[in-house]
Amino acid sequence: MPSMIDEIVFGEPSRGVGLVFLCGALLLAGQQAYYVIVEGATPFYASLFLIAGMALSGIAESLPKSRRRAAGALRLTAIAVLVSLLVIGFVTPELLSA
């Protein structure tokens, strides 16, 4: 089992996947900015967690292949951000919508 985790989390980054994650984070950030600035809506905090998680994953996948350990640390941080979104959603969901 440790070899599988080592292979997945600390494997070589993939530039194509990184570009998809970074573009997705940029699109979500643009949508959030539009609704807050133009429409005057209150920010949806759950999307901020998604933006942060996707951006961290995109940065991790965009690193050179020689930076496998740094990419793994960024991947683990992205997972922690997204899991914290789930925990907050189950424990106190009003924090995400207010």
Protein backbone atom coordinates (compact mmCIF):
# COMPACT_ATOMS: atom_id res chain seq x y z
CA MET A 1 0.00 0.00 0.00
CA PRO A 2 2.72 2.60 0.70
CA SER A 3 4.08 2.14 -2.80
CA MET A 4 0.66 2.96 -4.26
CA ILE A 5 0.41 6.16 -2.21
CA ASP A 6 3.98 7.04 -3.12
CA GLU A 7 3.20 6.46 -6.79
CA ILE A 8 -0.02 8.50 -6.82
CA VAL A 9 0.76 11.38 -4.48
CA PHE A 10 4.46 11.77 -5.14
CA GLY A 11 4.43 10.68 -8.79
CA GLU A 12 5.57 12.77 -11.72
CA PRO A 13 3.43 15.83 -12.43
CA SER A 14 1.32 15.98 -15.59
CA ARG A 15 1.28 19.33 -17.41
CA GLY A 16 -2.02 18.69 -19.19
CA VAL A 17 -3.91 17.98 -16.00
CA GLY A 18 -2.30 21.00 -14.37
CA LEU A 19 -3.54 23.24 -17.14
CA VAL A 20 -7.08 21.89 -16.73
CA PHE A 21 -7.03 22.51 -12.97
CA LEU A 22 -5.61 26.03 -13.34
CA CYS A 23 -8.15 26.94 -16.03
CA GLY A 24 -10.95 25.57 -13.88
CA ALA A 25 -9.79 27.60 -10.89
CA LEU A 26 -9.57 30.70 -13.07
CA LEU A 27 -13.09 30.17 -14.43
CA LEU A 28 -14.52 29.67 -10.94
CA ALA A 29 -12.71 32.77 -9.68
CA GLY A 30 -14.04 34.80 -12.60
CA GLN A 31 -17.56 33.60 -11.97
CA GLN A 32 -17.27 34.42 -8.27
CA ALA A 33 -15.87 37.88 -9.02
CA TYR A 34 -18.66 38.58 -11.52
CA TYR A 35 -21.41 37.73 -9.08
CA VAL A 36 -19.84 39.67 -6.23
CA ILE A 37 -18.78 42.78 -8.17
CA VAL A 38 -21.41 43.13 -10.92
CA GLU A 39 -24.44 41.50 -9.36
CA GLY A 40 -23.69 42.62 -5.79
CA ALA A 41 -24.26 39.14 -4.37
CA THR A 42 -22.62 37.88 -1.22
CA PRO A 43 -19.62 35.61 -1.85
CA PHE A 44 -20.28 31.88 -1.86
CA TYR A 45 -17.55 30.59 0.43
CA ALA A 46 -17.74 26.99 -0.75
CA SER A 47 -16.54 28.04 -4.19
CA LEU A 48 -13.54 29.75 -2.58
CA PHE A 49 -12.52 26.38 -1.14
CA LEU A 50 -12.93 24.80 -4.58
CA ILE A 51 -10.87 27.56 -6.20
CA ALA A 52 -8.07 27.11 -3.65
CA GLY A 53 -8.08 23.32 -4.00
CA MET A 54 -8.05 23.40 -7.79
CA ALA A 55 -5.34 26.08 -7.90
CA LEU A 56 -3.10 24.10 -5.54
CA SER A 57 -3.60 20.98 -7.63
CA GLY A 58 -2.88 22.89 -10.81
CA ILE A 59 0.31 24.36 -9.40
CA ALA A 60 1.39 20.91 -8.21
CA GLU A 61 0.87 19.42 -11.66
CA SER A 62 2.65 22.34 -13.36
CA LEU A 63 5.92 21.83 -11.50
CA PRO A 64 8.87 20.23 -13.30
CA LYS A 65 9.30 16.46 -13.01
CA SER A 66 12.32 16.92 -10.76
CA ARG A 67 10.13 18.56 -8.09
CA ARG A 68 8.10 15.45 -7.21
CA ARG A 69 8.27 16.02 -3.46
CA ALA A 70 7.03 19.62 -3.71
CA ALA A 71 4.24 18.49 -6.04
CA GLY A 72 3.25 15.83 -3.51
CA ALA A 73 3.13 18.37 -0.70
CA LEU A 74 0.92 20.67 -2.80
CA ARG A 75 -1.36 17.74 -3.70
CA LEU A 76 -1.73 16.83 -0.02
CA THR A 77 -2.49 20.46 0.83
CA ALA A 78 -5.15 20.57 -1.89
CA ILE A 79 -6.71 17.40 -0.51
CA ALA A 80 -6.71 18.92 2.98
CA VAL A 81 -8.46 22.06 1.71
CA LEU A 82 -11.15 20.05 -0.09
CA VAL A 83 -11.68 17.68 2.84
CA SER A 84 -12.03 20.69 5.15
CA LEU A 85 -14.81 21.92 2.84
CA LEU A 86 -16.62 18.62 3.34
CA VAL A 87 -16.13 18.70 7.11
CA ILE A 88 -17.39 22.28 7.39
CA GLY A 89 -20.35 21.36 5.18
CA PHE A 90 -21.37 18.54 7.50
CA VAL A 91 -20.61 20.21 10.84
CA THR A 92 -21.72 23.81 10.28
CA PRO A 93 -23.21 24.29 6.80
CA GLU A 94 -24.34 27.84 7.57
CA LEU A 95 -20.70 28.97 7.48
CA LEU A 96 -20.47 28.16 3.78
CA SER A 97 -23.65 29.90 2.67
CA ALA A 98 -23.45 33.08 4.75
